[in-house]
Amino acid sequence: MIIGTAQGEIDPADRHNALIQDINLGGHANANGKVTYTATFTLIKPIDLSKGNGILFYNVVNRGVGAIRTTSR
């Protein structure tokens, strides 16, 4: 299992980010005028990758609620 944190920044003025709820209400823009975020993730993988079936099993947390998802190659 791999547990980690991803960090990034997005531009609240970019129209592609308009679907993010209340992005303009946060008031948390950094010096570049972008909103920073941190996301935690969990990846579950086989101990021996050669015995894996090619499916990625991962957990996405959204507002504190985890949802298990899978995807294949």
PDB file of N, CA and C in Angstrom:
ATOM      1  N   MET A   1       0.847  -1.160   0.000  1.00  0.00           N
ATOM      2  CA  MET A   1       0.000   0.000   0.000  1.00  0.00           C
ATOM      3  C   MET A   1       0.901   1.235   0.000  1.00  0.00           C
ATOM      4  N   ILE A   2       0.513   2.218  -0.787  1.00  0.00           N
ATOM      5  CA  ILE A   2       1.239   3.477  -0.847  1.00  0.00           C
ATOM      6  C   ILE A   2       0.272   4.574  -0.419  1.00  0.00           C
ATOM      7  N   ILE A   3       0.645   5.331   0.602  1.00  0.00           N
ATOM      8  CA  ILE A   3      -0.170   6.444   1.088  1.00  0.00           C
ATOM      9  C   ILE A   3       0.645   7.700   0.887  1.00  0.00           C
ATOM     10  N   GLY A   4       0.035   8.714   0.293  1.00  0.00           N
ATOM     11  CA  GLY A   4       0.788   9.930   0.025  1.00  0.00           C
ATOM     12  C   GLY A   4      -0.080  11.164  -0.036  1.00  0.00           C
ATOM     13  N   THR A   5       0.560  12.257  -0.358  1.00  0.00           N
ATOM     14  CA  THR A   5      -0.092  13.549  -0.466  1.00  0.00           C
ATOM     15  C   THR A   5       0.344  14.212  -1.767  1.00  0.00           C
ATOM     16  N   ALA A   6      -0.611  14.743  -2.492  1.00  0.00           N
ATOM     17  CA  ALA A   6      -0.321  15.511  -3.704  1.00  0.00           C
ATOM     18  C   ALA A   6      -0.686  16.971  -3.429  1.00  0.00           C
ATOM     19  N   GLN A   7       0.149  17.864  -3.896  1.00  0.00           N
ATOM     20  CA  GLN A   7      -0.106  19.283  -3.703  1.00  0.00           C
ATOM     21  C   GLN A   7      -0.073  19.989  -5.050  1.00  0.00           C
ATOM     22  N   GLY A   8      -0.852  21.028  -5.184  1.00  0.00           N
ATOM     23  CA  GLY A   8      -0.865  21.772  -6.434  1.00  0.00           C
ATOM     24  C   GLY A   8      -1.522  23.124  -6.265  1.00  0.00           C
ATOM     25  N   GLU A   9      -1.686  23.789  -7.368  1.00  0.00           N
ATOM     26  CA  GLU A   9      -2.361  25.084  -7.358  1.00  0.00           C
ATOM     27  C   GLU A   9      -3.162  25.219  -8.643  1.00  0.00           C
ATOM     28  N   ILE A  10      -4.287  25.900  -8.549  1.00  0.00           N
ATOM     29  CA  ILE A  10      -5.136  26.119  -9.715  1.00  0.00           C
ATOM     30  C   ILE A  10      -5.533  27.582  -9.782  1.00  0.00           C
ATOM     31  N   ASP A  11      -5.817  28.030 -10.973  1.00  0.00           N
ATOM     32  CA  ASP A  11      -6.200  29.414 -11.218  1.00  0.00           C
ATOM     33  C   ASP A  11      -7.719  29.539 -11.097  1.00  0.00           C
ATOM     34  N   PRO A  12      -8.213  30.296 -10.104  1.00  0.00           N
ATOM     35  CA  PRO A  12      -9.658  30.434  -9.956  1.00  0.00           C
ATOM     36  C   PRO A  12     -10.301  31.206 -11.104  1.00  0.00           C
ATOM     37  N   ALA A  13      -9.499  31.953 -11.859  1.00  0.00           N
ATOM     38  CA  ALA A  13     -10.030  32.732 -12.984  1.00  0.00           C
ATOM     39  C   ALA A  13     -10.129  31.905 -14.270  1.00  0.00           C
ATOM     40  N   ASP A  14      -9.503  30.735 -14.294  1.00  0.00           N
ATOM     41  CA  ASP A  14      -9.555  29.880 -15.479  1.00  0.00           C
ATOM     42  C   ASP A  14     -10.947  29.264 -15.598  1.00  0.00           C
ATOM     43  N   ARG A  15     -11.581  29.389 -16.748  1.00  0.00           N
ATOM     44  CA  ARG A  15     -12.956  28.907 -16.932  1.00  0.00           C
ATOM     45  C   ARG A  15     -13.080  27.398 -16.707  1.00  0.00           C
ATOM     46  N   HIS A  16     -11.991  26.658 -16.898  1.00  0.00           N
ATOM     47  CA  HIS A  16     -12.015  25.212 -16.681  1.00  0.00           C
ATOM     48  C   HIS A  16     -12.207  24.859 -15.201  1.00  0.00           C
ATOM     49  N   ASN A  17     -11.891  25.793 -14.323  1.00  0.00           N
ATOM     50  CA  ASN A  17     -12.020  25.548 -12.890  1.00  0.00           C
ATOM     51  C   ASN A  17     -13.337  26.078 -12.323  1.00  0.00           C
ATOM     52  N   ALA A  18     -14.189  26.608 -13.176  1.00  0.00           N
ATOM     53  CA  ALA A  18     -15.455  27.198 -12.721  1.00  0.00           C
ATOM     54  C   ALA A  18     -16.383  26.170 -12.085  1.00  0.00           C
ATOM     55  N   LEU A  19     -16.235  24.901 -12.430  1.00  0.00           N
ATOM     56  CA  LEU A  19     -17.104  23.873 -11.870  1.00  0.00           C
ATOM     57  C   LEU A  19     -16.763  23.533 -10.425  1.00  0.00           C
ATOM     58  N   ILE A  20     -15.637  24.007  -9.919  1.00  0.00           N
ATOM     59  CA  ILE A  20     -15.262  23.746  -8.533  1.00  0.00           C
ATOM     60  C   ILE A  20     -16.097  24.649  -7.631  1.00  0.00           C
ATOM     61  N   GLN A  21     -16.859  24.029  -6.765  1.00  0.00           N
ATOM     62  CA  GLN A  21     -17.791  24.741  -5.903  1.00  0.00           C
ATOM     63  C   GLN A  21     -17.080  25.801  -5.061  1.00  0.00           C
ATOM     64  N   ASP A  22     -17.554  27.030  -5.123  1.00  0.00           N
ATOM     65  CA  ASP A  22     -17.106  28.150  -4.277  1.00  0.00           C
ATOM     66  C   ASP A  22     -15.623  28.484  -4.411  1.00  0.00           C
ATOM     67  N   ILE A  23     -15.022  28.198  -5.555  1.00  0.00           N
ATOM     68  CA  ILE A  23     -13.582  28.447  -5.705  1.00  0.00           C
ATOM     69  C   ILE A  23     -13.225  29.930  -5.519  1.00  0.00           C
ATOM     70  N   ASN A  24     -14.122  30.818  -5.884  1.00  0.00           N
ATOM     71  CA  ASN A  24     -13.842  32.255  -5.739  1.00  0.00           C
ATOM     72  C   ASN A  24     -14.141  32.789  -4.351  1.00  0.00           C
ATOM     73  N   LEU A  25     -14.727  31.985  -3.486  1.00  0.00           N
ATOM     74  CA  LEU A  25     -15.109  32.447  -2.156  1.00  0.00           C
ATOM     75  C   LEU A  25     -14.072  32.145  -1.091  1.00  0.00           C
ATOM     76  N   GLY A  26     -13.070  31.369  -1.435  1.00  0.00           N
ATOM     77  CA  GLY A  26     -12.094  30.938  -0.438  1.00  0.00           C
ATOM     78  C   GLY A  26     -11.195  32.039   0.075  1.00  0.00           C
ATOM     79  N   GLY A  27     -10.831  32.972  -0.782  1.00  0.00           N
ATOM     80  CA  GLY A  27      -9.924  34.027  -0.362  1.00  0.00           C
ATOM     81  C   GLY A  27      -8.541  33.516   0.011  1.00  0.00           C
ATOM     82  N   HIS A  28      -8.153  32.368  -0.540  1.00  0.00           N
ATOM     83  CA  HIS A  28      -6.879  31.755  -0.171  1.00  0.00           C
ATOM     84  C   HIS A  28      -5.874  31.786  -1.318  1.00  0.00           C
ATOM     85  N   ALA A  29      -5.955  32.789  -2.166  1.00  0.00           N
ATOM     86  CA  ALA A  29      -5.024  32.865  -3.292  1.00  0.00           C
ATOM     87  C   ALA A  29      -3.608  33.121  -2.777  1.00  0.00           C
ATOM     88  N   ASN A  30      -2.638  32.469  -3.426  1.00  0.00           N
ATOM     89  CA  ASN A  30      -1.242  32.683  -3.050  1.00  0.00           C
ATOM     90  C   ASN A  30      -0.700  33.910  -3.791  1.00  0.00           C
ATOM     91  N   ALA A  31       0.593  34.122  -3.721  1.00  0.00           N
ATOM     92  CA  ALA A  31       1.218  35.290  -4.352  1.00  0.00           C
ATOM     93  C   ALA A  31       1.042  35.291  -5.861  1.00  0.00           C
ATOM     94  N   ASN A  32       0.832  34.125  -6.460  1.00  0.00           N
ATOM     95  CA  ASN A  32       0.616  34.012  -7.906  1.00  0.00           C
ATOM     96  C   ASN A  32      -0.852  34.179  -8.284  1.00  0.00           C
ATOM     97  N   GLY A  33      -1.735  34.401  -7.286  1.00  0.00           N
ATOM     98  CA  GLY A  33      -3.155  34.539  -7.546  1.00  0.00           C
ATOM     99  C   GLY A  33      -3.863  33.201  -7.724  1.00  0.00           C
ATOM    100  N   LYS A  34      -3.193  32.115  -7.376  1.00  0.00           N
ATOM    101  CA  LYS A  34      -3.767  30.782  -7.538  1.00  0.00           C
ATOM    102  C   LYS A  34      -4.162  30.208  -6.178  1.00  0.00           C
ATOM    103  N   VAL A  35      -5.117  29.303  -6.211  1.00  0.00           N
ATOM    104  CA  VAL A  35      -5.576  28.624  -5.000  1.00  0.00           C
ATOM    105  C   VAL A  35      -4.793  27.326  -4.859  1.00  0.00           C
ATOM    106  N   THR A  36      -4.202  27.130  -3.714  1.00  0.00           N
ATOM    107  CA  THR A  36      -3.430  25.912  -3.475  1.00  0.00           C
ATOM    108  C   THR A  36      -4.321  24.833  -2.860  1.00  0.00           C
ATOM    109  N   TYR A  37      -3.937  23.589  -3.090  1.00  0.00           N
ATOM    110  CA  TYR A  37      -4.693  22.477  -2.523  1.00  0.00           C
ATOM    111  C   TYR A  37      -3.748  21.347  -2.141  1.00  0.00           C
ATOM    112  N   THR A  38      -4.233  20.516  -1.259  1.00  0.00           N
ATOM    113  CA  THR A  38      -3.536  19.307  -0.846  1.00  0.00           C
ATOM    114  C   THR A  38      -4.549  18.174  -0.891  1.00  0.00           C
ATOM    115  N   ALA A  39      -4.159  17.060  -1.476  1.00  0.00           N
ATOM    116  CA  ALA A  39      -5.032  15.889  -1.562  1.00  0.00           C
ATOM    117  C   ALA A  39      -4.264  14.669  -1.087  1.00  0.00           C
ATOM    118  N   THR A  40      -4.891  13.878  -0.255  1.00  0.00           N
ATOM    119  CA  THR A  40      -4.266  12.630   0.174  1.00  0.00           C
ATOM    120  C   THR A  40      -4.736  11.504  -0.738  1.00  0.00           C
ATOM    121  N   PHE A  41      -3.911  10.494  -0.873  1.00  0.00           N
ATOM    122  CA  PHE A  41      -4.294   9.354  -1.706  1.00  0.00           C
ATOM    123  C   PHE A  41      -3.749   8.068  -1.113  1.00  0.00           C
ATOM    124  N   THR A  42      -4.397   6.974  -1.469  1.00  0.00           N
ATOM    125  CA  THR A  42      -3.963   5.644  -1.083  1.00  0.00           C
ATOM    126  C   THR A  42      -3.993   4.760  -2.316  1.00  0.00           C
ATOM    127  N   LEU A  43      -2.887   4.118  -2.620  1.00  0.00           N
ATOM    128  CA  LEU A  43      -2.803   3.156  -3.713  1.00  0.00           C
ATOM    129  C   LEU A  43      -2.534   1.787  -3.109  1.00  0.00           C
ATOM    130  N   ILE A  44      -3.287   0.802  -3.567  1.00  0.00           N
ATOM    131  CA  ILE A  44      -3.081  -0.558  -3.106  1.00  0.00           C
ATOM    132  C   ILE A  44      -2.509  -1.351  -4.273  1.00  0.00           C
ATOM    133  N   LYS A  45      -1.365  -1.997  -4.064  1.00  0.00           N
ATOM    134  CA  LYS A  45      -0.709  -2.730  -5.140  1.00  0.00           C
ATOM    135  C   LYS A  45      -0.248  -4.084  -4.627  1.00  0.00           C
ATOM    136  N   PRO A  46      -0.072  -5.030  -5.535  1.00  0.00           N
ATOM    137  CA  PRO A  46       0.422  -6.334  -5.099  1.00  0.00           C
ATOM    138  C   PRO A  46       1.859  -6.234  -4.597  1.00  0.00           C
ATOM    139  N   ILE A  47       2.199  -7.078  -3.659  1.00  0.00           N
ATOM    140  CA  ILE A  47       3.580  -7.104  -3.171  1.00  0.00           C
ATOM    141  C   ILE A  47       4.514  -7.509  -4.306  1.00  0.00           C
ATOM    142  N   ASP A  48       4.105  -8.496  -5.083  1.00  0.00           N
ATOM    143  CA  ASP A  48       4.880  -8.951  -6.236  1.00  0.00           C
ATOM    144  C   ASP A  48       4.150  -8.467  -7.492  1.00  0.00           C
ATOM    145  N   LEU A  49       4.637  -7.401  -8.115  1.00  0.00           N
ATOM    146  CA  LEU A  49       3.965  -6.800  -9.265  1.00  0.00           C
ATOM    147  C   LEU A  49       3.832  -7.765 -10.443  1.00  0.00           C
ATOM    148  N   SER A  50       4.728  -8.746 -10.548  1.00  0.00           N
ATOM    149  CA  SER A  50       4.628  -9.700 -11.658  1.00  0.00           C
ATOM    150  C   SER A  50       3.390 -10.591 -11.530  1.00  0.00           C
ATOM    151  N   LYS A  51       2.798 -10.643 -10.357  1.00  0.00           N
ATOM    152  CA  LYS A  51       1.593 -11.443 -10.139  1.00  0.00           C
ATOM    153  C   LYS A  51       0.323 -10.599 -10.199  1.00  0.00           C
ATOM    154  N   GLY A  52       0.465  -9.330 -10.538  1.00  0.00           N
ATOM    155  CA  GLY A  52      -0.688  -8.437 -10.619  1.00  0.00           C
ATOM    156  C   GLY A  52      -1.510  -8.697 -11.876  1.00  0.00           C
ATOM    157  N   ASN A  53      -2.755  -8.212 -11.876  1.00  0.00           N
ATOM    158  CA  ASN A  53      -3.643  -8.412 -13.027  1.00  0.00           C
ATOM    159  C   ASN A  53      -3.826  -7.137 -13.850  1.00  0.00           C
ATOM    160  N   GLY A  54      -3.058  -6.096 -13.556  1.00  0.00           N
ATOM    161  CA  GLY A  54      -3.123  -4.865 -14.344  1.00  0.00           C
ATOM    162  C   GLY A  54      -4.222  -3.905 -13.925  1.00  0.00           C
ATOM    163  N   ILE A  55      -4.867  -4.164 -12.799  1.00  0.00           N
ATOM    164  CA  ILE A  55      -5.922  -3.268 -12.318  1.00  0.00           C
ATOM    165  C   ILE A  55      -5.372  -2.403 -11.191  1.00  0.00           C
ATOM    166  N   LEU A  56      -5.601  -1.113 -11.291  1.00  0.00           N
ATOM    167  CA  LEU A  56      -5.211  -0.174 -10.247  1.00  0.00           C
ATOM    168  C   LEU A  56      -6.381  -0.027  -9.291  1.00  0.00           C
ATOM    169  N   PHE A  57      -6.138  -0.228  -8.017  1.00  0.00           N
ATOM    170  CA  PHE A  57      -7.143  -0.130  -6.964  1.00  0.00           C
ATOM    171  C   PHE A  57      -6.764   1.075  -6.130  1.00  0.00           C
ATOM    172  N   TYR A  58      -7.619   2.084  -6.080  1.00  0.00           N
ATOM    173  CA  TYR A  58      -7.255   3.301  -5.363  1.00  0.00           C
ATOM    174  C   TYR A  58      -8.434   3.883  -4.604  1.00  0.00           C
ATOM    175  N   ASN A  59      -8.123   4.738  -3.646  1.00  0.00           N
ATOM    176  CA  ASN A  59      -9.108   5.363  -2.788  1.00  0.00           C
ATOM    177  C   ASN A  59      -9.036   6.872  -2.971  1.00  0.00           C
ATOM    178  N   VAL A  60     -10.159   7.481  -3.274  1.00  0.00           N
ATOM    179  CA  VAL A  60     -10.228   8.929  -3.438  1.00  0.00           C
ATOM    180  C   VAL A  60     -11.080   9.488  -2.308  1.00  0.00           C
ATOM    181  N   VAL A  61     -10.546  10.447  -1.592  1.00  0.00           N
ATOM    182  CA  VAL A  61     -11.297  11.065  -0.507  1.00  0.00           C
ATOM    183  C   VAL A  61     -11.854  12.389  -1.007  1.00  0.00           C
ATOM    184  N   ASN A  62     -13.163  12.554  -0.869  1.00  0.00           N
ATOM    185  CA  ASN A  62     -13.834  13.784  -1.278  1.00  0.00           C
ATOM    186  C   ASN A  62     -14.628  14.298  -0.092  1.00  0.00           C
ATOM    187  N   ARG A  63     -14.188  15.423   0.441  1.00  0.00           N
ATOM    188  CA  ARG A  63     -14.834  16.022   1.615  1.00  0.00           C
ATOM    189  C   ARG A  63     -14.866  15.045   2.788  1.00  0.00           C
ATOM    190  N   GLY A  64     -13.785  14.312   2.952  1.00  0.00           N
ATOM    191  CA  GLY A  64     -13.654  13.418   4.089  1.00  0.00           C
ATOM    192  C   GLY A  64     -14.270  12.050   3.920  1.00  0.00           C
ATOM    193  N   VAL A  65     -14.908  11.783   2.782  1.00  0.00           N
ATOM    194  CA  VAL A  65     -15.549  10.494   2.560  1.00  0.00           C
ATOM    195  C   VAL A  65     -14.763   9.745   1.488  1.00  0.00           C
ATOM    196  N   GLY A  66     -14.304   8.543   1.827  1.00  0.00           N
ATOM    197  CA  GLY A  66     -13.548   7.745   0.880  1.00  0.00           C
ATOM    198  C   GLY A  66     -14.447   6.984  -0.081  1.00  0.00           C
ATOM    199  N   ALA A  67     -13.988   6.798  -1.289  1.00  0.00           N
ATOM    200  CA  ALA A  67     -14.707   6.016  -2.291  1.00  0.00           C
ATOM    201  C   ALA A  67     -13.697   5.128  -2.994  1.00  0.00           C
ATOM    202  N   ILE A  68     -13.892   3.842  -2.956  1.00  0.00           N
ATOM    203  CA  ILE A  68     -12.955   2.903  -3.594  1.00  0.00           C
ATOM    204  C   ILE A  68     -13.274   2.816  -5.083  1.00  0.00           C
ATOM    205  N   ARG A  69     -12.246   2.923  -5.914  1.00  0.00           N
ATOM    206  CA  ARG A  69     -12.420   2.871  -7.353  1.00  0.00           C
ATOM    207  C   ARG A  69     -11.376   1.918  -7.944  1.00  0.00           C
ATOM    208  N   THR A  70     -11.647   1.447  -9.148  1.00  0.00           N
ATOM    209  CA  THR A  70     -10.675   0.619  -9.866  1.00  0.00           C
ATOM    210  C   THR A  70     -10.573   1.105 -11.307  1.00  0.00           C
ATOM    211  N   THR A  71      -9.459   0.804 -11.917  1.00  0.00           N
ATOM    212  CA  THR A  71      -9.266   1.098 -13.329  1.00  0.00           C
ATOM    213  C   THR A  71      -8.301   0.072 -13.893  1.00  0.00           C
ATOM    214  N   SER A  72      -8.406  -0.219 -15.164  1.00  0.00           N
ATOM    215  CA  SER A  72      -7.497  -1.179 -15.785  1.00  0.00           C
ATOM    216  C   SER A  72      -6.676  -0.492 -16.854  1.00  0.00           C
ATOM    217  N   ARG A  73      -5.665  -1.195 -17.354  1.00  0.00           N
ATOM    218  CA  ARG A  73      -4.780  -0.618 -18.370  1.00  0.00           C
ATOM    219  C   ARG A  73      -5.512  -0.265 -19.616  1.00  0.00           C
TER     220      ARG A  73
END
